[in-house]
C-alpha atoms as a PDB file:
ATOM      1  CA  MET A   1      33.160   1.297  69.266  1.00  0.00           C
ATOM      2  CA  ASP A   2      32.659  -1.386  66.558  1.00  0.00           C
ATOM      3  CA  LEU A   3      33.984   0.083  63.845  1.00  0.00           C
ATOM      4  CA  SER A   4      36.919   2.718  62.854  1.00  0.00           C
ATOM      5  CA  VAL A   5      36.487   4.152  59.358  1.00  0.00           C
ATOM      6  CA  VAL A   6      40.124   5.545  58.359  1.00  0.00           C
ATOM      7  CA  VAL A   7      40.522   7.847  55.526  1.00  0.00           C
ATOM      8  CA  VAL A   8      44.115   8.898  53.917  1.00  0.00           C
ATOM      9  CA  ASN A   9      44.056  11.619  52.012  1.00  0.00           C
ATOM     10  CA  TRP A  10      46.593  13.968  49.957  1.00  0.00           C
ATOM     11  CA  ASN A  11      45.252  16.832  47.651  1.00  0.00           C
ATOM     12  CA  VAL A  12      41.922  15.682  46.515  1.00  0.00           C
ATOM     13  CA  GLN A  13      39.334  17.664  48.374  1.00  0.00           C
ATOM     14  CA  GLU A  14      36.230  17.134  46.617  1.00  0.00           C
ATOM     15  CA  LEU A  15      36.922  13.290  46.351  1.00  0.00           C
ATOM     16  CA  LEU A  16      37.696  12.987  49.728  1.00  0.00           C
ATOM     17  CA  ALA A  17      34.026  15.052  50.478  1.00  0.00           C
ATOM     18  CA  GLY A  18      32.244  12.768  48.407  1.00  0.00           C
ATOM     19  CA  SER A  19      34.201   9.749  49.975  1.00  0.00           C
ATOM     20  CA  LEU A  20      33.178  11.165  53.499  1.00  0.00           C
ATOM     21  CA  SER A  21      29.373  11.661  52.458  1.00  0.00           C
ATOM     22  CA  SER A  22      28.772   8.092  51.047  1.00  0.00           C
ATOM     23  CA  VAL A  23      30.752   6.590  54.314  1.00  0.00           C
ATOM     24  CA  PHE A  24      28.106   8.740  56.760  1.00  0.00           C
ATOM     25  CA  GLU A  25      25.260   7.888  54.300  1.00  0.00           C
ATOM     26  CA  SER A  26      26.305   3.894  54.268  1.00  0.00           C
ATOM     27  CA  LEU A  27      26.201   3.894  58.146  1.00  0.00           C
ATOM     28  CA  GLN A  28      23.360   5.765  58.768  1.00  0.00           C
ATOM     29  CA  GLY A  29      20.851   4.044  60.651  1.00  0.00           C
ATOM     30  CA  GLU A  30      22.812   1.035  61.324  1.00  0.00           C
ATOM     31  CA  ALA A  31      23.104  -0.495  64.754  1.00  0.00           C
ATOM     32  CA  ILE A  32      26.970  -0.324  64.380  1.00  0.00           C
ATOM     33  CA  GLN A  33      29.033   2.129  66.779  1.00  0.00           C
ATOM     34  CA  HIS A  34      31.436   3.660  64.617  1.00  0.00           C
ATOM     35  CA  GLU A  35      34.202   6.620  64.331  1.00  0.00           C
ATOM     36  CA  VAL A  36      35.569   8.081  61.275  1.00  0.00           C
ATOM     37  CA  TRP A  37      38.935   9.380  61.259  1.00  0.00           C
ATOM     38  CA  VAL A  38      40.980  11.445  58.575  1.00  0.00           C
ATOM     39  CA  VAL A  39      44.672  11.520  58.088  1.00  0.00           C
ATOM     40  CA  ASP A  40      45.678  14.337  55.590  1.00  0.00           C
ATOM     41  CA  ASN A  41      49.472  14.538  54.545  1.00  0.00           C
ATOM     42  CA  ALA A  42      49.957  17.948  54.531  1.00  0.00           C
ATOM     43  CA  SER A  43      47.197  18.752  51.387  1.00  0.00           C
ATOM     44  CA  ALA A  44      47.763  22.031  50.024  1.00  0.00           C
ATOM     45  CA  ASP A  45      44.442  22.049  48.611  1.00  0.00           C
ATOM     46  CA  GLY A  46      42.487  22.861  51.677  1.00  0.00           C
ATOM     47  CA  SER A  47      41.102  19.412  52.315  1.00  0.00           C
ATOM     48  CA  ALA A  48      41.914  19.815  56.134  1.00  0.00           C
ATOM     49  CA  GLU A  49      39.829  22.901  56.706  1.00  0.00           C
ATOM     50  CA  MET A  50      36.982  21.318  54.311  1.00  0.00           C
ATOM     51  CA  VAL A  51      36.776  18.433  56.851  1.00  0.00           C
ATOM     52  CA  ARG A  52      36.574  20.798  59.882  1.00  0.00           C
ATOM     53  CA  GLN A  53      33.842  22.750  58.369  1.00  0.00           C
ATOM     54  CA  ARG A  54      31.824  20.090  57.025  1.00  0.00           C
ATOM     55  CA  PHE A  55      32.276  17.118  58.544  1.00  0.00           C
ATOM     56  CA  PRO A  56      32.587  18.163  61.921  1.00  0.00           C
ATOM     57  CA  GLN A  57      31.540  14.440  63.236  1.00  0.00           C
ATOM     58  CA  ALA A  58      34.560  13.214  61.720  1.00  0.00           C
ATOM     59  CA  ARG A  59      37.685  13.404  63.383  1.00  0.00           C
ATOM     60  CA  LEU A  60      40.794  15.133  61.666  1.00  0.00           C
ATOM     61  CA  ILE A  61      44.391  13.932  62.666  1.00  0.00           C
ATOM     62  CA  ALA A  62      47.679  14.136  61.515  1.00  0.00           C
ATOM     63  CA  ASN A  63      48.738  10.456  62.168  1.00  0.00           C
ATOM     64  CA  ARG A  64      47.374   7.197  62.318  1.00  0.00           C
ATOM     65  CA  GLU A  65      45.402   6.319  65.535  1.00  0.00           C
ATOM     66  CA  ASN A  66      43.605   3.349  66.674  1.00  0.00           C
ATOM     67  CA  ARG A  67      41.132   4.054  69.406  1.00  0.00           C
ATOM     68  CA  GLY A  68      40.221   0.099  70.374  1.00  0.00           C
ATOM     69  CA  SER A  69      37.226  -1.006  67.926  1.00  0.00           C
ATOM     70  CA  ARG A  70      36.833  -4.482  67.139  1.00  0.00           C
ATOM     71  CA  PHE A  71      37.500  -3.446  63.311  1.00  0.00           C
ATOM     72  CA  VAL A  72      39.265  -0.944  61.166  1.00  0.00           C
ATOM     73  CA  VAL A  73      38.206   0.060  57.851  1.00  0.00           C
ATOM     74  CA  LEU A  74      41.155   1.630  55.488  1.00  0.00           C
ATOM     75  CA  LEU A  75      39.730   3.769  52.729  1.00  0.00           C
ATOM     76  CA  ASN A  76      40.958   5.618  50.370  1.00  0.00           C
ATOM     77  CA  PRO A  77      39.760   9.164  49.437  1.00  0.00           C
ATOM     78  CA  ASP A  78      39.108   8.298  45.658  1.00  0.00           C
ATOM     79  CA  THR A  79      36.405   6.004  46.895  1.00  0.00           C
ATOM     80  CA  VAL A  80      32.413   6.031  47.037  1.00  0.00           C
ATOM     81  CA  VAL A  81      30.887   3.508  49.385  1.00  0.00           C
ATOM     82  CA  ARG A  82      27.332   2.169  48.133  1.00  0.00           C
ATOM     83  CA  GLY A  83      24.767   0.995  50.111  1.00  0.00           C
ATOM     84  CA  GLN A  84      25.329  -0.915  53.158  1.00  0.00           C
ATOM     85  CA  ALA A  85      28.708  -1.930  51.991  1.00  0.00           C
ATOM     86  CA  LEU A  86      30.915  -1.322  55.513  1.00  0.00           C
ATOM     87  CA  ALA A  87      27.999  -3.260  57.185  1.00  0.00           C
ATOM     88  CA  LEU A  88      28.067  -6.156  54.841  1.00  0.00           C
ATOM     89  CA  LEU A  89      31.842  -6.324  55.289  1.00  0.00           C
ATOM     90  CA  TYR A  90      31.623  -5.872  59.174  1.00  0.00           C
ATOM     91  CA  ARG A  91      29.126  -8.615  59.486  1.00  0.00           C
ATOM     92  CA  PHE A  92      31.183 -10.966  57.545  1.00  0.00           C
ATOM     93  CA  LEU A  93      34.296 -10.555  59.947  1.00  0.00           C
ATOM     94  CA  LEU A  94      31.738 -10.828  62.714  1.00  0.00           C
ATOM     95  CA  GLN A  95      30.180 -14.338  61.368  1.00  0.00           C
ATOM     96  CA  THR A  96      33.633 -15.413  60.549  1.00  0.00           C
ATOM     97  CA  PRO A  97      36.332 -15.178  63.243  1.00  0.00           C
ATOM     98  CA  SER A  98      39.079 -16.996  61.299  1.00  0.00           C
ATOM     99  CA  VAL A  99      39.147 -13.877  58.639  1.00  0.00           C
ATOM    100  CA  GLY A 100      41.232 -11.293  59.667  1.00  0.00           C
ATOM    101  CA  MET A 101      40.688  -8.848  56.331  1.00  0.00           C
ATOM    102  CA  ALA A 102      38.325  -8.701  53.807  1.00  0.00           C
ATOM    103  CA  GLY A 103      37.857  -5.861  51.127  1.00  0.00           C
ATOM    104  CA  PRO A 104      34.273  -5.454  49.031  1.00  0.00           C
ATOM    105  CA  ARG A 105      34.013  -5.562  45.398  1.00  0.00           C
ATOM    106  CA  LEU A 106      35.485  -2.497  43.306  1.00  0.00           C
ATOM    107  CA  VAL A 107      33.542  -0.957  40.476  1.00  0.00           C
ATOM    108  CA  TYR A 108      34.718   2.117  38.514  1.00  0.00           C
ATOM    109  CA  ALA A 109      32.629   5.032  38.281  1.00  0.00           C
ATOM    110  CA  ASP A 110      30.426   4.069  35.264  1.00  0.00           C
ATOM    111  CA  GLY A 111      29.777   0.529  36.934  1.00  0.00           C
ATOM    112  CA  ARG A 112      32.539  -1.201  34.998  1.00  0.00           C
ATOM    113  CA  PHE A 113      34.196  -4.253  36.317  1.00  0.00           C
ATOM    114  CA  GLN A 114      37.493  -3.645  38.298  1.00  0.00           C
ATOM    115  CA  HIS A 115      39.320  -6.316  39.637  1.00  0.00           C
ATOM    116  CA  SER A 116      39.331  -5.824  43.679  1.00  0.00           C
ATOM    117  CA  ALA A 117      41.609  -8.673  44.708  1.00  0.00           C
ATOM    118  CA  PHE A 118      44.814 -10.175  43.643  1.00  0.00           C
ATOM    119  CA  ARG A 119      47.454 -13.454  44.313  1.00  0.00           C
ATOM    120  CA  PHE A 120      50.620 -12.304  45.962  1.00  0.00           C
ATOM    121  CA  PRO A 121      53.120 -10.628  43.248  1.00  0.00           C
ATOM    122  CA  SER A 122      54.989 -13.444  41.020  1.00  0.00           C
ATOM    123  CA  LEU A 123      58.022 -13.309  38.692  1.00  0.00           C
ATOM    124  CA  ALA A 124      55.187 -13.644  35.958  1.00  0.00           C
ATOM    125  CA  GLN A 125      53.523 -11.048  37.213  1.00  0.00           C
ATOM    126  CA  VAL A 126      56.362  -8.769  37.062  1.00  0.00           C
ATOM    127  CA  PHE A 127      57.425  -9.775  33.608  1.00  0.00           C
ATOM    128  CA  LEU A 128      53.947  -9.055  32.256  1.00  0.00           C
ATOM    129  CA  ASP A 129      54.093  -5.654  33.538  1.00  0.00           C
ATOM    130  CA  PHE A 130      56.703  -5.095  30.945  1.00  0.00           C
ATOM    131  CA  PHE A 131      56.090  -7.259  28.249  1.00  0.00           C
ATOM    132  CA  PRO A 132      52.131  -7.906  28.166  1.00  0.00           C
ATOM    133  CA  LEU A 133      52.077 -10.730  25.569  1.00  0.00           C
ATOM    134  CA  HIS A 134      48.192 -11.226  25.213  1.00  0.00           C
ATOM    135  CA  HIS A 135      45.163  -9.266  26.745  1.00  0.00           C
ATOM    136  CA  ARG A 136      44.108 -12.720  28.294  1.00  0.00           C
ATOM    137  CA  LEU A 137      47.344 -13.344  30.140  1.00  0.00           C
ATOM    138  CA  LEU A 138      46.595  -9.847  31.658  1.00  0.00           C
ATOM    139  CA  ASP A 139      43.116 -10.956  32.984  1.00  0.00           C
ATOM    140  CA  SER A 140      44.204 -14.308  34.092  1.00  0.00           C
ATOM    141  CA  GLY A 141      45.511 -16.255  37.323  1.00  0.00           C
ATOM    142  CA  LEU A 142      49.353 -15.719  35.769  1.00  0.00           C
ATOM    143  CA  ASN A 143      48.558 -12.048  36.195  1.00  0.00           C
ATOM    144  CA  GLY A 144      47.534 -12.550  39.747  1.00  0.00           C
ATOM    145  CA  ARG A 145      43.697 -11.895  38.839  1.00  0.00           C
ATOM    146  CA  TYR A 146      40.400 -14.122  40.224  1.00  0.00           C
ATOM    147  CA  PRO A 147      38.158 -15.221  37.608  1.00  0.00           C
ATOM    148  CA  ARG A 148      35.377 -12.731  37.234  1.00  0.00           C
ATOM    149  CA  ARG A 149      32.535 -15.346  37.982  1.00  0.00           C
ATOM    150  CA  LEU A 150      33.645 -15.279  41.842  1.00  0.00           C
ATOM    151  CA  TYR A 151      32.677 -11.801  41.753  1.00  0.00           C
ATOM    152  CA  GLY A 152      29.883 -12.676  39.775  1.00  0.00           C
ATOM    153  CA  SER A 153      28.695 -15.156  42.409  1.00  0.00           C
ATOM    154  CA  GLY A 154      28.047 -12.563  45.160  1.00  0.00           C
ATOM    155  CA  GLN A 155      29.536 -15.195  47.836  1.00  0.00           C
ATOM    156  CA  PRO A 156      32.833 -14.624  49.499  1.00  0.00           C
ATOM    157  CA  PHE A 157      35.795 -16.019  48.546  1.00  0.00           C
ATOM    158  CA  ALA A 158      39.280 -16.290  49.676  1.00  0.00           C
ATOM    159  CA  VAL A 159      41.890 -14.110  48.404  1.00  0.00           C
ATOM    160  CA  ASP A 160      45.819 -13.464  48.683  1.00  0.00           C
ATOM    161  CA  HIS A 161      44.934  -9.856  49.308  1.00  0.00           C
ATOM    162  CA  PRO A 162      42.357  -7.263  48.190  1.00  0.00           C
ATOM    163  CA  LEU A 163      43.187  -4.427  46.664  1.00  0.00           C
ATOM    164  CA  GLY A 164      43.981  -1.473  49.453  1.00  0.00           C
ATOM    165  CA  ALA A 165      41.560   1.067  48.520  1.00  0.00           C
ATOM    166  CA  CYS A 166      38.875  -0.568  50.963  1.00  0.00           C
ATOM    167  CA  LEU A 167      39.719  -2.908  53.374  1.00  0.00           C
ATOM    168  CA  MET A 168      38.423  -3.857  56.671  1.00  0.00           C
ATOM    169  CA  VAL A 169      40.844  -5.529  59.394  1.00  0.00           C
ATOM    170  CA  ARG A 170      39.808  -7.348  62.607  1.00  0.00           C
ATOM    171  CA  ARG A 171      41.531  -5.820  65.808  1.00  0.00           C
ATOM    172  CA  GLU A 172      42.579  -8.963  66.877  1.00  0.00           C
ATOM    173  CA  ALA A 173      44.793  -9.723  63.669  1.00  0.00           C
ATOM    174  CA  MET A 174      45.978  -6.301  63.576  1.00  0.00           C
ATOM    175  CA  GLU A 175      47.121  -7.073  67.310  1.00  0.00           C
ATOM    176  CA  GLN A 176      49.104  -9.947  66.258  1.00  0.00           C
ATOM    177  CA  VAL A 177      51.155  -9.087  63.368  1.00  0.00           C
ATOM    178  CA  GLY A 178      51.414  -5.357  63.854  1.00  0.00           C
ATOM    179  CA  VAL A 179      49.867  -2.340  62.049  1.00  0.00           C
ATOM    180  CA  LEU A 180      51.072  -0.892  58.411  1.00  0.00           C
ATOM    181  CA  ASP A 181      54.813  -0.965  57.742  1.00  0.00           C
ATOM    182  CA  GLU A 182      55.378   2.740  57.182  1.00  0.00           C
ATOM    183  CA  GLY A 183      58.827   1.989  55.482  1.00  0.00           C
ATOM    184  CA  PHE A 184      56.500   1.852  52.413  1.00  0.00           C
ATOM    185  CA  PHE A 185      56.344   5.239  51.254  1.00  0.00           C
ATOM    186  CA  MET A 186      53.435   4.557  48.702  1.00  0.00           C
ATOM    187  CA  TYR A 187      51.969   1.022  47.149  1.00  0.00           C
ATOM    188  CA  CYS A 188      52.478  -2.307  48.701  1.00  0.00           C
ATOM    189  CA  GLU A 189      52.126  -1.684  52.259  1.00  0.00           C
ATOM    190  CA  ASP A 190      48.677  -3.404  51.893  1.00  0.00           C
ATOM    191  CA  VAL A 191      50.515  -6.368  49.805  1.00  0.00           C
ATOM    192  CA  ASP A 192      53.147  -6.743  53.154  1.00  0.00           C
ATOM    193  CA  TRP A 193      50.082  -6.654  55.717  1.00  0.00           C
ATOM    194  CA  ALA A 194      48.154  -9.463  54.443  1.00  0.00           C
ATOM    195  CA  ARG A 195      51.069 -11.524  53.628  1.00  0.00           C
ATOM    196  CA  ARG A 196      51.937 -10.939  57.644  1.00  0.00           C
ATOM    197  CA  LEU A 197      48.221 -12.041  58.220  1.00  0.00           C
ATOM    198  CA  LYS A 198      48.264 -15.126  55.992  1.00  0.00           C
ATOM    199  CA  THR A 199      51.646 -15.981  57.089  1.00  0.00           C
ATOM    200  CA  ALA A 200      49.928 -15.718  60.916  1.00  0.00           C
ATOM    201  CA  GLY A 201      47.342 -18.230  59.641  1.00  0.00           C
ATOM    202  CA  TRP A 202      44.362 -15.485  59.348  1.00  0.00           C
ATOM    203  CA  GLY A 203      41.927 -15.761  56.550  1.00  0.00           C
ATOM    204  CA  ILE A 204      41.658 -12.877  54.007  1.00  0.00           C
ATOM    205  CA  TYR A 205      38.184 -12.604  51.850  1.00  0.00           C
ATOM    206  CA  CYS A 206      36.890 -10.664  49.165  1.00  0.00           C
ATOM    207  CA  VAL A 207      33.054 -10.061  49.620  1.00  0.00           C
ATOM    208  CA  PRO A 208      31.645  -8.866  46.337  1.00  0.00           C
ATOM    209  CA  SER A 209      28.017  -8.565  47.865  1.00  0.00           C
ATOM    210  CA  ALA A 210      29.617  -5.029  49.506  1.00  0.00           C
ATOM    211  CA  GLU A 211      30.242  -2.566  46.542  1.00  0.00           C
ATOM    212  CA  VAL A 212      32.565   0.462  46.658  1.00  0.00           C
ATOM    213  CA  VAL A 213      33.288   2.611  43.664  1.00  0.00           C
ATOM    214  CA  HIS A 214      37.207   2.887  43.353  1.00  0.00           C
ATOM    215  CA  LEU A 215      38.061   6.113  41.004  1.00  0.00           C
ATOM    216  CA  GLU A 216      41.235   5.000  41.250  1.00  0.00           C
ATOM    217  CA  GLY A 217      44.625   6.603  41.150  1.00  0.00           C
ATOM    218  CA  GLN A 218      43.455  10.432  41.662  1.00  0.00           C
ATOM    219  CA  SER A 219      46.225  11.273  44.233  1.00  0.00           C
ATOM    220  CA  THR A 220      49.105   9.705  42.635  1.00  0.00           C
ATOM    221  CA  ARG A 221      48.467  11.138  39.181  1.00  0.00           C
ATOM    222  CA  GLN A 222      49.341  14.347  40.292  1.00  0.00           C
ATOM    223  CA  PHE A 223      53.296  13.134  39.889  1.00  0.00           C
ATOM    224  CA  ARG A 224      53.035  10.184  37.255  1.00  0.00           C
ATOM    225  CA  GLU A 225      56.860  10.087  37.035  1.00  0.00           C
ATOM    226  CA  GLY A 226      57.546  10.089  40.751  1.00  0.00           C
ATOM    227  CA  MET A 227      55.155   7.658  41.498  1.00  0.00           C
ATOM    228  CA  PHE A 228      56.540   4.980  38.961  1.00  0.00           C
ATOM    229  CA  VAL A 229      59.497   5.479  40.908  1.00  0.00           C
ATOM    230  CA  ALA A 230      57.896   5.199  44.310  1.00  0.00           C
ATOM    231  CA  LEU A 231      56.044   1.844  43.195  1.00  0.00           C
ATOM    232  CA  TRP A 232      58.871   0.050  42.169  1.00  0.00           C
ATOM    233  CA  ARG A 233      61.019   1.129  45.621  1.00  0.00           C
ATOM    234  CA  SER A 234      58.203  -0.261  47.592  1.00  0.00           C
ATOM    235  CA  ARG A 235      57.931  -3.788  45.517  1.00  0.00           C
ATOM    236  CA  PHE A 236      61.783  -4.256  45.997  1.00  0.00           C
ATOM    237  CA  ARG A 237      61.312  -3.400  49.533  1.00  0.00           C
ATOM    238  CA  LEU A 238      58.245  -5.825  49.443  1.00  0.00           C
ATOM    239  CA  PHE A 239      59.955  -8.624  47.777  1.00  0.00           C
ATOM    240  CA  GLY A 240      63.281  -8.464  50.110  1.00  0.00           C
ATOM    241  CA  LYS A 241      60.673  -8.648  52.987  1.00  0.00           C
ATOM    242  CA  HIS A 242      59.291 -11.857  51.452  1.00  0.00           C
ATOM    243  CA  HIS A 243      61.237 -13.383  49.317  1.00  0.00           C
ATOM    244  CA  GLY A 244      65.059 -15.135  49.024  1.00  0.00           C
ATOM    245  CA  ARG A 245      67.978 -13.898  47.515  1.00  0.00           C
ATOM    246  CA  PHE A 246      67.399 -16.064  44.239  1.00  0.00           C
ATOM    247  CA  TYR A 247      63.748 -14.609  43.981  1.00  0.00           C
ATOM    248  CA  ASN A 248      65.328 -11.178  44.140  1.00  0.00           C
ATOM    249  CA  TRP A 249      67.991 -11.739  41.781  1.00  0.00           C
ATOM    250  CA  ALA A 250      65.485 -12.607  39.071  1.00  0.00           C
ATOM    251  CA  VAL A 251      63.145  -9.912  39.900  1.00  0.00           C
ATOM    252  CA  ARG A 252      65.815  -7.311  39.321  1.00  0.00           C
ATOM    253  CA  ARG A 253      67.120  -9.153  35.824  1.00  0.00           C
ATOM    254  CA  ILE A 254      63.811  -9.035  35.028  1.00  0.00           C
ATOM    255  CA  VAL A 255      63.192  -5.242  35.678  1.00  0.00           C
ATOM    256  CA  LEU A 256      65.908  -4.191  34.245  1.00  0.00           C
ATOM    257  CA  LEU A 257      65.525  -6.071  30.566  1.00  0.00           C
ATOM    258  CA  GLY A 258      61.971  -4.189  31.181  1.00  0.00           C
ATOM    259  CA  LEU A 259      63.130  -0.813  31.386  1.00  0.00           C
ATOM    260  CA  TRP A 260      65.292  -1.212  28.526  1.00  0.00           C
ATOM    261  CA  ALA A 261      62.329  -2.478  26.276  1.00  0.00           C
ATOM    262  CA  GLU A 262      60.076   0.154  27.975  1.00  0.00           C
ATOM    263  CA  GLU A 263      62.720   2.740  27.079  1.00  0.00           C
ATOM    264  CA  GLY A 264      62.893   2.175  23.452  1.00  0.00           C
ATOM    265  CA  ARG A 265      59.457   2.049  23.082  1.00  0.00           C
ATOM    266  CA  ALA A 266      59.507   5.417  24.627  1.00  0.00           C
ATOM    267  CA  ARG A 267      62.086   6.779  22.312  1.00  0.00           C
ATOM    268  CA  ARG A 268      60.284   5.237  19.116  1.00  0.00           C
ATOM    269  CA  ARG A 269      56.492   7.026  19.848  1.00  0.00           C
ATOM    270  CA  ALA A 270      57.478  10.215  21.168  1.00  0.00           C
ATOM    271  CA  PRO A 271      57.037  12.935  19.065  1.00  0.00           C
ATOM    272  CA  ALA A 272      59.703  15.841  17.570  1.00  0.00           C
ATOM    273  CA  ASP A 273      58.300  18.771  19.287  1.00  0.00           C
ATOM    274  CA  PRO A 274      59.779  20.382  22.411  1.00  0.00           C
ATOM    275  CA  GLY A 275      56.661  19.496  24.921  1.00  0.00           C
ATOM    276  CA  ALA A 276      56.674  15.743  24.264  1.00  0.00           C
ATOM    277  CA  GLN A 277      60.582  15.554  24.332  1.00  0.00           C
ATOM    278  CA  ALA A 278      60.701  17.095  27.543  1.00  0.00           C
ATOM    279  CA  GLU A 279      57.987  14.701  28.886  1.00  0.00           C
ATOM    280  CA  LEU A 280      60.237  11.709  27.372  1.00  0.00           C
ATOM    281  CA  ALA A 281      63.272  13.365  29.376  1.00  0.00           C
ATOM    282  CA  ARG A 282      61.002  12.982  32.696  1.00  0.00           C
ATOM    283  CA  ARG A 283      60.274   9.501  31.962  1.00  0.00           C
ATOM    284  CA  LEU A 284      63.934   8.393  30.977  1.00  0.00           C
ATOM    285  CA  ALA A 285      64.852  10.162  34.135  1.00  0.00           C
ATOM    286  CA  ALA A 286      62.487   7.737  36.292  1.00  0.00           C
ATOM    287  CA  TYR A 287      63.361   4.803  34.135  1.00  0.00           C
ATOM    288  CA  GLN A 288      66.805   5.602  35.596  1.00  0.00           C
ATOM    289  CA  GLN A 289      66.042   5.885  38.984  1.00  0.00           C
ATOM    290  CA  VAL A 290      64.502   2.895  39.103  1.00  0.00           C
ATOM    291  CA  ARG A 291      67.490   1.109  37.337  1.00  0.00           C
ATOM    292  CA  GLU A 292      69.573   2.389  40.123  1.00  0.00           C
ATOM    293  CA  LEU A 293      67.299   0.826  42.719  1.00  0.00           C
ATOM    294  CA  ALA A 294      67.255  -2.443  40.653  1.00  0.00           C
ATOM    295  CA  ARG A 295      71.071  -2.335  40.872  1.00  0.00           C
ATOM    296  CA  ALA A 296      71.423  -1.398  44.427  1.00  0.00           C
END
């Protein structure tokens, strides 16, 4: 087996169907022995049955499994693979043995540019999450972004980590550093994986010639406040694994200050009607949960 594609799904049946269709179309006619696995996390929308009926060639499982392929693809269900994107990633890794992970260029459904790879999180990025001083800073290296000209060049370029919506990993690298850390419920597991690969000496690249549509956040939008808490729980775990005491102290101080500012803005903007006040209450409860995590 040359390639395993793993799609992790939760309650996005139609998006999953579109993603799987694009995967099989992308690999049709390619001389790449492949298999497609769907990991469904107890969806209540009939996703698993849809896979059984419409994609019998896919392997439906309840937990991650690797059958010994040379490369493994992790793919979100809110993605659509364009053209030969998977084959392009495969060939790049095949021809570049020092690279352990690669990701494609991501675009929105309407073709607009989407940042596809990032620098590892910094204190500046955490600060800008809460205090977006200027739109140019948000699109800069200070906020972990790579220049758009690198994507426009069409040539592979080194990055800290691709966005986890779609990434391909070399089996040899995965065996060296281990699989995804299941201690992350959602978010940051891809960043943690990339850090471990980098520490072990593997290169990580973005391959702009490979293009994937990313609809972004369709699963996580189902519980917005809950996902805000999950994001920061994962970030604190990530920082704790890879940074020292001072960094973690500084991060938590920035988050506490940011939550205070966010709470003030939310209170000022909320209309007086009951629906808006109920939403405000949920938002403030989420802020309080993250505040407690920061103080732990």
